[in-house]
Amino acid sequence: MSAVTDLLRTVRIKVGLLADHRVSGLDVNVDVDGGVARLSGTVQSEEQKQTAEEIAASIEGVVEIENDIVVASSEERTESLEEGGACFGY
């Protein structure tokens, strides 16, 4: 598979994440290499993690998904907000 094809798959996944209201696409990093999509970042729920994986799986040519997304605990989300960090999900 070519690097250009993998780049197109990466962009398609990212656009899908940004368009879906169930997951914050800004919190998920995407890299596709050889048709293998690697997802990373931090989300606020297991549902968001699963949604990101489903979006990646829906892209033609993605043959495998490595979902390394971390679900932040409620304590971590509270600390982030108290420190003036970004609000998850927006």
PDB file of N, CA and C in Angstrom:
ATOM      1  N   MET A   1       0.848  -1.190   0.000  1.00  0.00           N
ATOM      2  CA  MET A   1       0.000   0.000   0.000  1.00  0.00           C
ATOM      3  C   MET A   1       0.882   1.238   0.000  1.00  0.00           C
ATOM      4  N   SER A   2       0.417   2.235  -0.674  1.00  0.00           N
ATOM      5  CA  SER A   2       1.236   3.434  -0.787  1.00  0.00           C
ATOM      6  C   SER A   2       1.006   4.377   0.390  1.00  0.00           C
ATOM      7  N   ALA A   3       1.984   5.224   0.607  1.00  0.00           N
ATOM      8  CA  ALA A   3       1.884   6.225   1.672  1.00  0.00           C
ATOM      9  C   ALA A   3       0.729   7.180   1.409  1.00  0.00           C
ATOM     10  N   VAL A   4       0.471   7.490   0.141  1.00  0.00           N
ATOM     11  CA  VAL A   4      -0.628   8.397  -0.204  1.00  0.00           C
ATOM     12  C   VAL A   4      -1.968   7.760   0.150  1.00  0.00           C
ATOM     13  N   THR A   5      -2.115   6.478  -0.150  1.00  0.00           N
ATOM     14  CA  THR A   5      -3.350   5.767   0.183  1.00  0.00           C
ATOM     15  C   THR A   5      -3.568   5.754   1.691  1.00  0.00           C
ATOM     16  N   ASP A   6      -2.515   5.480   2.448  1.00  0.00           N
ATOM     17  CA  ASP A   6      -2.625   5.488   3.911  1.00  0.00           C
ATOM     18  C   ASP A   6      -2.955   6.885   4.426  1.00  0.00           C
ATOM     19  N   LEU A   7      -2.386   7.911   3.823  1.00  0.00           N
ATOM     20  CA  LEU A   7      -2.692   9.278   4.219  1.00  0.00           C
ATOM     21  C   LEU A   7      -4.169   9.592   3.977  1.00  0.00           C
ATOM     22  N   LEU A   8      -4.694   9.151   2.843  1.00  0.00           N
ATOM     23  CA  LEU A   8      -6.113   9.365   2.549  1.00  0.00           C
ATOM     24  C   LEU A   8      -6.996   8.654   3.572  1.00  0.00           C
ATOM     25  N   ARG A   9      -6.625   7.454   3.958  1.00  0.00           N
ATOM     26  CA  ARG A   9      -7.389   6.729   4.985  1.00  0.00           C
ATOM     27  C   ARG A   9      -7.319   7.462   6.321  1.00  0.00           C
ATOM     28  N   THR A  10      -6.143   7.968   6.657  1.00  0.00           N
ATOM     29  CA  THR A  10      -5.994   8.738   7.900  1.00  0.00           C
ATOM     30  C   THR A  10      -6.928   9.946   7.891  1.00  0.00           C
ATOM     31  N   VAL A  11      -6.941  10.672   6.786  1.00  0.00           N
ATOM     32  CA  VAL A  11      -7.791  11.856   6.670  1.00  0.00           C
ATOM     33  C   VAL A  11      -9.262  11.473   6.756  1.00  0.00           C
ATOM     34  N   ARG A  12      -9.654  10.397   6.089  1.00  0.00           N
ATOM     35  CA  ARG A  12     -11.056   9.967   6.126  1.00  0.00           C
ATOM     36  C   ARG A  12     -11.492   9.595   7.534  1.00  0.00           C
ATOM     37  N   ILE A  13     -10.633   8.915   8.267  1.00  0.00           N
ATOM     38  CA  ILE A  13     -10.967   8.570   9.656  1.00  0.00           C
ATOM     39  C   ILE A  13     -11.102   9.836  10.485  1.00  0.00           C
ATOM     40  N   LYS A  14     -10.138  10.745  10.349  1.00  0.00           N
ATOM     41  CA  LYS A  14     -10.155  11.979  11.138  1.00  0.00           C
ATOM     42  C   LYS A  14     -11.408  12.800  10.830  1.00  0.00           C
ATOM     43  N   VAL A  15     -11.775  12.912   9.555  1.00  0.00           N
ATOM     44  CA  VAL A  15     -12.989  13.647   9.181  1.00  0.00           C
ATOM     45  C   VAL A  15     -14.211  12.972   9.805  1.00  0.00           C
ATOM     46  N   GLY A  16     -14.237  11.639   9.765  1.00  0.00           N
ATOM     47  CA  GLY A  16     -15.347  10.909  10.379  1.00  0.00           C
ATOM     48  C   GLY A  16     -15.443  11.167  11.874  1.00  0.00           C
ATOM     49  N   LEU A  17     -14.306  11.220  12.535  1.00  0.00           N
ATOM     50  CA  LEU A  17     -14.291  11.506  13.973  1.00  0.00           C
ATOM     51  C   LEU A  17     -14.783  12.923  14.262  1.00  0.00           C
ATOM     52  N   LEU A  18     -14.329  13.868  13.462  1.00  0.00           N
ATOM     53  CA  LEU A  18     -14.724  15.261  13.669  1.00  0.00           C
ATOM     54  C   LEU A  18     -16.203  15.484  13.368  1.00  0.00           C
ATOM     55  N   ALA A  19     -16.764  14.690  12.466  1.00  0.00           N
ATOM     56  CA  ALA A  19     -18.169  14.857  12.078  1.00  0.00           C
ATOM     57  C   ALA A  19     -19.137  14.161  13.040  1.00  0.00           C
ATOM     58  N   ASP A  20     -18.642  13.248  13.840  1.00  0.00           N
ATOM     59  CA  ASP A  20     -19.516  12.479  14.718  1.00  0.00           C
ATOM     60  C   ASP A  20     -19.639  13.150  16.080  1.00  0.00           C
ATOM     61  N   HIS A  21     -20.863  13.433  16.482  1.00  0.00           N
ATOM     62  CA  HIS A  21     -21.095  14.135  17.754  1.00  0.00           C
ATOM     63  C   HIS A  21     -20.834  13.267  18.987  1.00  0.00           C
ATOM     64  N   ARG A  22     -20.678  11.962  18.794  1.00  0.00           N
ATOM     65  CA  ARG A  22     -20.499  11.066  19.938  1.00  0.00           C
ATOM     66  C   ARG A  22     -19.075  11.021  20.476  1.00  0.00           C
ATOM     67  N   VAL A  23     -18.119  11.551  19.710  1.00  0.00           N
ATOM     68  CA  VAL A  23     -16.716  11.499  20.115  1.00  0.00           C
ATOM     69  C   VAL A  23     -16.040  12.800  19.698  1.00  0.00           C
ATOM     70  N   SER A  24     -15.128  13.283  20.524  1.00  0.00           N
ATOM     71  CA  SER A  24     -14.393  14.489  20.169  1.00  0.00           C
ATOM     72  C   SER A  24     -13.205  14.106  19.290  1.00  0.00           C
ATOM     73  N   GLY A  25     -13.333  14.409  18.010  1.00  0.00           N
ATOM     74  CA  GLY A  25     -12.269  14.078  17.073  1.00  0.00           C
ATOM     75  C   GLY A  25     -10.963  14.769  17.380  1.00  0.00           C
ATOM     76  N   LEU A  26     -11.023  15.861  18.113  1.00  0.00           N
ATOM     77  CA  LEU A  26      -9.799  16.577  18.472  1.00  0.00           C
ATOM     78  C   LEU A  26      -8.981  15.824  19.522  1.00  0.00           C
ATOM     79  N   ASP A  27      -9.639  14.916  20.249  1.00  0.00           N
ATOM     80  CA  ASP A  27      -8.959  14.178  21.310  1.00  0.00           C
ATOM     81  C   ASP A  27      -8.360  12.855  20.840  1.00  0.00           C
ATOM     82  N   VAL A  28      -8.616  12.494  19.576  1.00  0.00           N
ATOM     83  CA  VAL A  28      -8.158  11.208  19.052  1.00  0.00           C
ATOM     84  C   VAL A  28      -7.122  11.438  17.955  1.00  0.00           C
ATOM     85  N   ASN A  29      -5.979  10.797  18.105  1.00  0.00           N
ATOM     86  CA  ASN A  29      -4.925  10.835  17.095  1.00  0.00           C
ATOM     87  C   ASN A  29      -5.068   9.614  16.206  1.00  0.00           C
ATOM     88  N   VAL A  30      -4.815   9.797  14.926  1.00  0.00           N
ATOM     89  CA  VAL A  30      -4.971   8.716  13.953  1.00  0.00           C
ATOM     90  C   VAL A  30      -3.710   8.613  13.103  1.00  0.00           C
ATOM     91  N   ASP A  31      -3.258   7.371  12.881  1.00  0.00           N
ATOM     92  CA  ASP A  31      -2.164   7.113  11.962  1.00  0.00           C
ATOM     93  C   ASP A  31      -2.462   5.797  11.263  1.00  0.00           C
ATOM     94  N   VAL A  32      -2.384   5.786   9.947  1.00  0.00           N
ATOM     95  CA  VAL A  32      -2.608   4.558   9.185  1.00  0.00           C
ATOM     96  C   VAL A  32      -1.320   4.204   8.467  1.00  0.00           C
ATOM     97  N   ASP A  33      -0.903   2.961   8.617  1.00  0.00           N
ATOM     98  CA  ASP A  33       0.304   2.466   7.945  1.00  0.00           C
ATOM     99  C   ASP A  33       0.018   1.055   7.442  1.00  0.00           C
ATOM    100  N   GLY A  34       0.072   0.886   6.142  1.00  0.00           N
ATOM    101  CA  GLY A  34      -0.183  -0.426   5.562  1.00  0.00           C
ATOM    102  C   GLY A  34      -1.595  -0.926   5.800  1.00  0.00           C
ATOM    103  N   GLY A  35      -2.548  -0.004   5.924  1.00  0.00           N
ATOM    104  CA  GLY A  35      -3.936  -0.376   6.169  1.00  0.00           C
ATOM    105  C   GLY A  35      -4.260  -0.605   7.636  1.00  0.00           C
ATOM    106  N   VAL A  36      -3.258  -0.518   8.501  1.00  0.00           N
ATOM    107  CA  VAL A  36      -3.469  -0.680   9.942  1.00  0.00           C
ATOM    108  C   VAL A  36      -3.670   0.702  10.555  1.00  0.00           C
ATOM    109  N   ALA A  37      -4.851   0.925  11.139  1.00  0.00           N
ATOM    110  CA  ALA A  37      -5.168   2.207  11.759  1.00  0.00           C
ATOM    111  C   ALA A  37      -4.812   2.153  13.238  1.00  0.00           C
ATOM    112  N   ARG A  38      -3.989   3.101  13.665  1.00  0.00           N
ATOM    113  CA  ARG A  38      -3.614   3.205  15.077  1.00  0.00           C
ATOM    114  C   ARG A  38      -4.310   4.427  15.665  1.00  0.00           C
ATOM    115  N   LEU A  39      -5.122   4.190  16.667  1.00  0.00           N
ATOM    116  CA  LEU A  39      -5.848   5.263  17.344  1.00  0.00           C
ATOM    117  C   LEU A  39      -5.234   5.471  18.713  1.00  0.00           C
ATOM    118  N   SER A  40      -5.034   6.731  19.079  1.00  0.00           N
ATOM    119  CA  SER A  40      -4.503   7.047  20.405  1.00  0.00           C
ATOM    120  C   SER A  40      -5.124   8.349  20.874  1.00  0.00           C
ATOM    121  N   GLY A  41      -4.843   8.712  22.103  1.00  0.00           N
ATOM    122  CA  GLY A  41      -5.407   9.915  22.687  1.00  0.00           C
ATOM    123  C   GLY A  41      -6.206   9.554  23.929  1.00  0.00           C
ATOM    124  N   THR A  42      -6.977  10.520  24.397  1.00  0.00           N
ATOM    125  CA  THR A  42      -7.763  10.329  25.615  1.00  0.00           C
ATOM    126  C   THR A  42      -9.186  10.791  25.380  1.00  0.00           C
ATOM    127  N   VAL A  43     -10.142   9.954  25.763  1.00  0.00           N
ATOM    128  CA  VAL A  43     -11.559  10.298  25.667  1.00  0.00           C
ATOM    129  C   VAL A  43     -12.197  10.133  27.041  1.00  0.00           C
ATOM    130  N   GLN A  44     -13.455  10.548  27.138  1.00  0.00           N
ATOM    131  CA  GLN A  44     -14.091  10.540  28.456  1.00  0.00           C
ATOM    132  C   GLN A  44     -14.925   9.297  28.758  1.00  0.00           C
ATOM    133  N   SER A  45     -15.123   8.398  27.781  1.00  0.00           N
ATOM    134  CA  SER A  45     -15.919   7.205  28.067  1.00  0.00           C
ATOM    135  C   SER A  45     -15.520   6.046  27.163  1.00  0.00           C
ATOM    136  N   GLU A  46     -15.856   4.850  27.619  1.00  0.00           N
ATOM    137  CA  GLU A  46     -15.622   3.645  26.828  1.00  0.00           C
ATOM    138  C   GLU A  46     -16.445   3.702  25.539  1.00  0.00           C
ATOM    139  N   GLU A  47     -17.619   4.307  25.600  1.00  0.00           N
ATOM    140  CA  GLU A  47     -18.461   4.450  24.412  1.00  0.00           C
ATOM    141  C   GLU A  47     -17.758   5.286  23.339  1.00  0.00           C
ATOM    142  N   GLN A  48     -17.100   6.358  23.751  1.00  0.00           N
ATOM    143  CA  GLN A  48     -16.372   7.189  22.791  1.00  0.00           C
ATOM    144  C   GLN A  48     -15.203   6.416  22.181  1.00  0.00           C
ATOM    145  N   LYS A  49     -14.531   5.636  22.982  1.00  0.00           N
ATOM    146  CA  LYS A  49     -13.425   4.818  22.485  1.00  0.00           C
ATOM    147  C   LYS A  49     -13.943   3.833  21.441  1.00  0.00           C
ATOM    148  N   GLN A  50     -15.057   3.180  21.744  1.00  0.00           N
ATOM    149  CA  GLN A  50     -15.640   2.210  20.819  1.00  0.00           C
ATOM    150  C   GLN A  50     -16.139   2.889  19.545  1.00  0.00           C
ATOM    151  N   THR A  51     -16.730   4.069  19.682  1.00  0.00           N
ATOM    152  CA  THR A  51     -17.218   4.822  18.518  1.00  0.00           C
ATOM    153  C   THR A  51     -16.063   5.161  17.582  1.00  0.00           C
ATOM    154  N   ALA A  52     -14.942   5.592  18.144  1.00  0.00           N
ATOM    155  CA  ALA A  52     -13.769   5.913  17.326  1.00  0.00           C
ATOM    156  C   ALA A  52     -13.316   4.685  16.551  1.00  0.00           C
ATOM    157  N   GLU A  53     -13.323   3.541  17.189  1.00  0.00           N
ATOM    158  CA  GLU A  53     -12.916   2.307  16.518  1.00  0.00           C
ATOM    159  C   GLU A  53     -13.900   1.946  15.402  1.00  0.00           C
ATOM    160  N   GLU A  54     -15.190   2.115  15.656  1.00  0.00           N
ATOM    161  CA  GLU A  54     -16.199   1.820  14.634  1.00  0.00           C
ATOM    162  C   GLU A  54     -16.044   2.732  13.420  1.00  0.00           C
ATOM    163  N   ILE A  55     -15.754   3.997  13.659  1.00  0.00           N
ATOM    164  CA  ILE A  55     -15.548   4.937  12.551  1.00  0.00           C
ATOM    165  C   ILE A  55     -14.342   4.514  11.728  1.00  0.00           C
ATOM    166  N   ALA A  56     -13.252   4.157  12.402  1.00  0.00           N
ATOM    167  CA  ALA A  56     -12.055   3.716  11.686  1.00  0.00           C
ATOM    168  C   ALA A  56     -12.336   2.447  10.883  1.00  0.00           C
ATOM    169  N   ALA A  57     -13.090   1.522  11.464  1.00  0.00           N
ATOM    170  CA  ALA A  57     -13.392   0.261  10.790  1.00  0.00           C
ATOM    171  C   ALA A  57     -14.272   0.459   9.561  1.00  0.00           C
ATOM    172  N   SER A  58     -15.009   1.552   9.526  1.00  0.00           N
ATOM    173  CA  SER A  58     -15.921   1.795   8.400  1.00  0.00           C
ATOM    174  C   SER A  58     -15.199   2.322   7.157  1.00  0.00           C
ATOM    175  N   ILE A  59     -13.933   2.655   7.289  1.00  0.00           N
ATOM    176  CA  ILE A  59     -13.178   3.216   6.165  1.00  0.00           C
ATOM    177  C   ILE A  59     -12.641   2.091   5.287  1.00  0.00           C
ATOM    178  N   GLU A  60     -12.939   2.179   4.003  1.00  0.00           N
ATOM    179  CA  GLU A  60     -12.493   1.170   3.052  1.00  0.00           C
ATOM    180  C   GLU A  60     -10.968   1.070   3.049  1.00  0.00           C
ATOM    181  N   GLY A  61     -10.477  -0.155   3.102  1.00  0.00           N
ATOM    182  CA  GLY A  61      -9.042  -0.386   3.053  1.00  0.00           C
ATOM    183  C   GLY A  61      -8.381  -0.518   4.408  1.00  0.00           C
ATOM    184  N   VAL A  62      -9.106  -0.193   5.481  1.00  0.00           N
ATOM    185  CA  VAL A  62      -8.559  -0.400   6.824  1.00  0.00           C
ATOM    186  C   VAL A  62      -8.718  -1.885   7.134  1.00  0.00           C
ATOM    187  N   VAL A  63      -7.592  -2.558   7.345  1.00  0.00           N
ATOM    188  CA  VAL A  63      -7.605  -4.004   7.527  1.00  0.00           C
ATOM    189  C   VAL A  63      -7.465  -4.423   8.988  1.00  0.00           C
ATOM    190  N   GLU A  64      -7.000  -3.501   9.805  1.00  0.00           N
ATOM    191  CA  GLU A  64      -6.798  -3.798  11.224  1.00  0.00           C
ATOM    192  C   GLU A  64      -6.823  -2.489  11.997  1.00  0.00           C
ATOM    193  N   ILE A  65      -7.248  -2.562  13.265  1.00  0.00           N
ATOM    194  CA  ILE A  65      -7.275  -1.368  14.105  1.00  0.00           C
ATOM    195  C   ILE A  65      -6.560  -1.673  15.411  1.00  0.00           C
ATOM    196  N   GLU A  66      -5.628  -0.805  15.769  1.00  0.00           N
ATOM    197  CA  GLU A  66      -4.958  -0.863  17.066  1.00  0.00           C
ATOM    198  C   GLU A  66      -5.507   0.307  17.871  1.00  0.00           C
ATOM    199  N   ASN A  67      -6.382   0.014  18.804  1.00  0.00           N
ATOM    200  CA  ASN A  67      -7.052   1.059  19.564  1.00  0.00           C
ATOM    201  C   ASN A  67      -6.338   1.263  20.895  1.00  0.00           C
ATOM    202  N   ASP A  68      -5.464   2.269  20.927  1.00  0.00           N
ATOM    203  CA  ASP A  68      -4.710   2.596  22.140  1.00  0.00           C
ATOM    204  C   ASP A  68      -5.285   3.816  22.846  1.00  0.00           C
ATOM    205  N   ILE A  69      -6.537   4.137  22.556  1.00  0.00           N
ATOM    206  CA  ILE A  69      -7.193   5.281  23.199  1.00  0.00           C
ATOM    207  C   ILE A  69      -7.364   4.980  24.678  1.00  0.00           C
ATOM    208  N   VAL A  70      -7.094   5.970  25.509  1.00  0.00           N
ATOM    209  CA  VAL A  70      -7.227   5.851  26.956  1.00  0.00           C
ATOM    210  C   VAL A  70      -8.526   6.528  27.382  1.00  0.00           C
ATOM    211  N   VAL A  71      -9.260   5.855  28.257  1.00  0.00           N
ATOM    212  CA  VAL A  71     -10.465   6.459  28.831  1.00  0.00           C
ATOM    213  C   VAL A  71     -10.055   7.114  30.136  1.00  0.00           C
ATOM    214  N   ALA A  72     -10.220   8.441  30.194  1.00  0.00           N
ATOM    215  CA  ALA A  72      -9.826   9.189  31.382  1.00  0.00           C
ATOM    216  C   ALA A  72     -10.811   8.912  32.513  1.00  0.00           C
ATOM    217  N   SER A  73     -10.291   8.769  33.706  1.00  0.00           N
ATOM    218  CA  SER A  73     -11.165   8.603  34.863  1.00  0.00           C
ATOM    219  C   SER A  73     -11.841   9.932  35.169  1.00  0.00           C
ATOM    220  N   SER A  74     -12.915   9.892  35.919  1.00  0.00           N
ATOM    221  CA  SER A  74     -13.608  11.136  36.272  1.00  0.00           C
ATOM    222  C   SER A  74     -12.684  12.042  37.074  1.00  0.00           C
ATOM    223  N   GLU A  75     -11.780  11.464  37.851  1.00  0.00           N
ATOM    224  CA  GLU A  75     -10.810  12.258  38.625  1.00  0.00           C
ATOM    225  C   GLU A  75      -9.865  13.007  37.688  1.00  0.00           C
ATOM    226  N   GLU A  76      -9.389  12.338  36.639  1.00  0.00           N
ATOM    227  CA  GLU A  76      -8.498  12.982  35.670  1.00  0.00           C
ATOM    228  C   GLU A  76      -9.203  14.115  34.936  1.00  0.00           C
ATOM    229  N   ARG A  77     -10.491  13.900  34.582  1.00  0.00           N
ATOM    230  CA  ARG A  77     -11.238  14.954  33.893  1.00  0.00           C
ATOM    231  C   ARG A  77     -11.424  16.159  34.798  1.00  0.00           C
ATOM    232  N   THR A  78     -11.709  15.928  36.077  1.00  0.00           N
ATOM    233  CA  THR A  78     -11.896  17.024  37.027  1.00  0.00           C
ATOM    234  C   THR A  78     -10.599  17.805  37.197  1.00  0.00           C
ATOM    235  N   GLU A  79      -9.478  17.102  37.315  1.00  0.00           N
ATOM    236  CA  GLU A  79      -8.184  17.773  37.462  1.00  0.00           C
ATOM    237  C   GLU A  79      -7.879  18.618  36.236  1.00  0.00           C
ATOM    238  N   SER A  80      -8.176  18.106  35.065  1.00  0.00           N
ATOM    239  CA  SER A  80      -7.921  18.845  33.840  1.00  0.00           C
ATOM    240  C   SER A  80      -8.737  20.138  33.812  1.00  0.00           C
ATOM    241  N   LEU A  81      -9.974  20.063  34.200  1.00  0.00           N
ATOM    242  CA  LEU A  81     -10.822  21.257  34.216  1.00  0.00           C
ATOM    243  C   LEU A  81     -10.342  22.262  35.256  1.00  0.00           C
ATOM    244  N   GLU A  82      -9.932  21.766  36.433  1.00  0.00           N
ATOM    245  CA  GLU A  82      -9.458  22.654  37.495  1.00  0.00           C
ATOM    246  C   GLU A  82      -8.170  23.364  37.089  1.00  0.00           C
ATOM    247  N   GLU A  83      -7.373  22.699  36.244  1.00  0.00           N
ATOM    248  CA  GLU A  83      -6.114  23.282  35.781  1.00  0.00           C
ATOM    249  C   GLU A  83      -6.304  24.168  34.570  1.00  0.00           C
ATOM    250  N   GLY A  84      -7.552  24.317  34.130  1.00  0.00           N
ATOM    251  CA  GLY A  84      -7.832  25.157  32.970  1.00  0.00           C
ATOM    252  C   GLY A  84      -7.629  24.444  31.666  1.00  0.00           C
ATOM    253  N   GLY A  85      -7.613  23.097  31.708  1.00  0.00           N
ATOM    254  CA  GLY A  85      -7.427  22.316  30.492  1.00  0.00           C
ATOM    255  C   GLY A  85      -8.697  22.311  29.658  1.00  0.00           C
ATOM    256  N   ALA A  86      -8.568  21.705  28.518  1.00  0.00           N
ATOM    257  CA  ALA A  86      -9.709  21.609  27.600  1.00  0.00           C
ATOM    258  C   ALA A  86     -10.795  20.742  28.202  1.00  0.00           C
ATOM    259  N   CYS A  87     -12.001  21.026  27.862  1.00  0.00           N
ATOM    260  CA  CYS A  87     -13.131  20.236  28.302  1.00  0.00           C
ATOM    261  C   CYS A  87     -13.312  19.068  27.323  1.00  0.00           C
ATOM    262  N   PHE A  88     -13.284  17.855  27.826  1.00  0.00           N
ATOM    263  CA  PHE A  88     -13.430  16.682  26.960  1.00  0.00           C
ATOM    264  C   PHE A  88     -14.770  16.734  26.253  1.00  0.00           C
ATOM    265  N   GLY A  89     -14.795  16.332  25.004  1.00  0.00           N
ATOM    266  CA  GLY A  89     -16.034  16.187  24.268  1.00  0.00           C
ATOM    267  C   GLY A  89     -16.467  17.439  23.512  1.00  0.00           C
ATOM    268  N   TYR A  90     -15.700  18.490  23.574  1.00  0.00           N
ATOM    269  CA  TYR A  90     -16.095  19.710  22.869  1.00  0.00           C
ATOM    270  C   TYR A  90     -15.019  20.146  21.918  1.00  0.00           C
TER     271      TYR A  90
END
